Protein backbone atom coordinates (compact mmCIF):
# COMPACT_ATOMS: atom_id res chain seq x y z
CA MET A 1 98.49 41.83 128.87
CA SER A 2 96.16 42.41 131.85
CA SER A 3 94.42 45.75 132.24
CA VAL A 4 92.24 47.31 134.91
CA ALA A 5 90.25 50.53 134.64
CA ILE A 6 89.17 52.18 137.88
CA LEU A 7 86.26 54.50 137.14
CA HIS A 8 84.01 57.05 138.82
CA ALA A 9 86.08 57.80 141.91
CA SER A 10 84.55 60.72 143.77
CA GLN A 11 88.06 62.14 143.88
CA LEU A 12 91.27 60.93 142.29
CA ILE A 13 94.27 62.64 143.87
CA THR A 14 97.35 62.93 141.69
CA LEU A 15 100.37 65.13 141.14
CA VAL A 16 100.31 68.02 138.69
CA GLY A 17 102.86 67.98 135.89
CA PRO A 18 104.71 65.62 133.59
CA LYS A 19 104.39 61.83 133.53
CA ARG A 20 107.49 61.00 135.60
CA PRO A 21 108.45 60.55 139.27
CA ARG A 22 108.34 63.81 141.25
CA VAL A 23 110.85 65.16 143.75
CA GLU A 24 111.11 67.90 146.36
CA ARG A 25 108.60 70.75 145.92
CA GLU A 26 106.80 68.91 143.11
CA LEU A 27 105.46 66.51 145.77
CA SER A 28 103.18 69.24 147.12
CA GLU A 29 101.62 70.17 143.74
CA LEU A 30 98.39 68.16 143.86
CA ALA A 31 95.42 67.92 141.52
CA ILE A 32 91.99 66.58 142.45
CA ILE A 33 90.05 64.99 139.60
CA ARG A 34 86.33 64.69 140.36
CA ASP A 35 84.72 61.57 138.85
CA GLY A 36 88.27 60.41 138.27
CA GLY A 37 89.61 57.26 136.71
CA MET A 38 92.82 55.35 136.25
CA LEU A 39 93.98 52.84 133.65
CA ILE A 40 96.50 50.18 134.68
CA HIS A 41 98.35 47.91 132.21
CA ASP A 42 100.40 44.98 133.52
CA GLY A 43 100.52 46.42 137.03
CA LYS A 44 101.70 49.89 135.99
CA ILE A 45 99.64 53.07 136.00
CA ASP A 46 99.24 54.06 132.37
CA MET A 47 96.81 56.95 132.61
CA VAL A 48 94.81 59.03 135.10
CA GLY A 49 92.08 61.52 134.26
CA PRO A 50 88.33 62.00 134.07
CA SER A 51 86.41 58.70 134.01
CA ASP A 52 84.96 59.30 130.54
CA GLN A 53 88.49 59.70 129.11
CA ILE A 54 89.71 56.54 130.88
CA GLU A 55 86.66 54.58 129.74
CA LYS A 56 87.32 55.51 126.09
CA ASN A 57 90.83 54.04 126.39
CA ALA A 58 89.91 51.02 128.55
CA GLY A 59 89.30 48.54 125.73
CA ALA A 60 88.85 45.07 127.26
CA ALA A 61 90.13 46.13 130.70
CA GLU A 62 88.48 44.81 133.84
CA ILE A 63 86.29 47.62 135.22
CA VAL A 64 86.36 48.55 138.91
CA ASP A 65 83.66 50.97 140.07
CA ALA A 66 85.14 53.34 142.68
CA HIS A 67 81.96 55.41 143.12
CA GLY A 68 82.01 57.12 146.51
CA LYS A 69 85.71 56.43 147.02
CA VAL A 70 88.92 58.46 146.97
CA VAL A 71 91.73 57.01 144.84
CA LEU A 72 95.39 57.91 145.53
CA PRO A 73 97.48 56.21 142.82
CA GLY A 74 101.19 56.07 143.38
CA PHE A 75 101.21 57.69 146.83
CA VAL A 76 103.53 55.11 148.35
CA ASP A 77 106.45 55.55 150.69
CA ALA A 78 108.42 52.49 149.68
CA HIS A 79 111.04 53.06 152.37
CA THR A 80 109.66 51.67 155.57
CA HIS A 81 110.61 49.10 158.15
CA LEU A 82 108.28 46.55 159.68
CA VAL A 83 109.33 47.27 163.25
CA PHE A 84 109.57 51.06 162.87
CA ALA A 85 107.60 52.54 165.74
CA GLY A 86 106.29 55.64 164.03
CA ASN A 87 105.72 57.26 160.66
CA ARG A 88 107.84 59.27 158.27
CA LEU A 89 105.52 62.25 157.86
CA ASP A 90 108.16 64.73 159.04
CA ASP A 91 110.65 63.35 156.50
CA PHE A 92 108.06 63.50 153.69
CA GLU A 93 107.14 67.11 154.56
CA ARG A 94 110.81 68.12 154.69
CA ARG A 95 111.40 66.67 151.20
CA ALA A 96 108.21 68.28 149.86
CA ARG A 97 109.58 71.67 150.98
CA GLY A 98 112.73 71.00 148.93
CA LYS A 99 114.94 70.11 151.88
CA SER A 100 117.64 67.49 151.54
CA ARG A 101 116.98 63.84 152.34
CA LYS A 102 120.12 64.08 154.45
CA PRO A 103 119.06 64.45 158.08
CA ALA A 104 119.84 67.65 159.93
CA ALA A 105 122.67 67.61 162.49
CA GLY A 106 121.58 65.77 165.61
CA PHE A 107 118.73 64.02 163.77
CA GLY A 108 120.17 60.56 164.53
CA GLN A 109 120.11 61.28 168.25
CA LEU A 110 116.51 62.47 167.96
CA LEU A 111 115.53 59.22 166.21
CA LYS A 112 117.20 57.15 168.92
CA LYS A 113 115.38 59.09 171.62
CA ARG A 114 112.03 58.69 169.80
CA ALA A 115 112.62 54.96 169.34
CA ARG A 116 113.37 54.50 173.04
CA HIS A 117 110.10 56.22 173.96
CA ARG A 118 108.00 54.40 171.37
CA MET A 119 109.43 50.88 171.68
CA PRO A 120 107.65 48.64 174.16
CA THR A 121 109.63 48.20 177.38
CA PHE A 122 109.69 44.42 176.99
CA LEU A 123 111.52 44.84 173.67
CA LEU A 124 114.17 47.16 175.09
CA LYS A 125 114.90 44.78 177.96
CA GLN A 126 115.07 41.57 175.96
CA ARG A 127 118.43 39.93 175.45
CA ASN A 128 117.19 38.27 172.28
CA MET A 129 116.33 41.28 170.12
CA GLN A 130 115.34 39.14 167.13
CA SER A 131 112.39 37.61 168.99
CA GLY A 132 111.47 41.08 170.24
CA PHE A 133 111.41 42.47 166.71
CA CYS A 134 109.26 39.52 165.61
CA ALA A 135 106.84 40.22 168.46
CA VAL A 136 106.50 43.85 167.39
CA GLY A 137 106.44 43.16 163.64
CA ARG A 138 104.00 40.25 163.52
CA PRO A 139 100.84 42.25 164.44
CA ARG A 140 101.80 44.98 161.96
CA LEU A 141 102.37 42.50 159.15
CA LYS A 142 99.29 40.34 159.69
CA PRO A 143 96.70 42.78 158.17
CA SER A 144 98.82 42.98 155.02
CA LEU A 145 98.90 39.26 154.35
CA ALA A 146 96.49 37.66 151.90
CA THR A 147 93.98 35.35 153.54
CA ASP A 148 92.73 33.50 150.43
């Protein structure tokens, strides 16, 4: 079993409440832990809290010093698309206010309009859309790839 303990973050941002995934309004209930820490076992977050509490439970875990850093465990929007020409902040805010994930009437048309304005002209004009998507996606993917 591999373990990592991240200690001494200037701020660790987490959600208030029970140890389970949050939905709707719960997504806006944040807690800031000063000198925060996080314990990870086998790739899963096991515990967040003050660094001294995490350190007591760390055992033989690899220690990562996050002094001077902000740690945001679990704040991931797993639904994204490589060639999406924008962000999903409006969708996240709508869900945090307790609104449905189902788009409002006319939302599809709005997305199409936004995509037309954000997509590079060369992509819209290309007959071979696959190569166009690759051209847009490649620069976005490159920073995410391991270089070792």
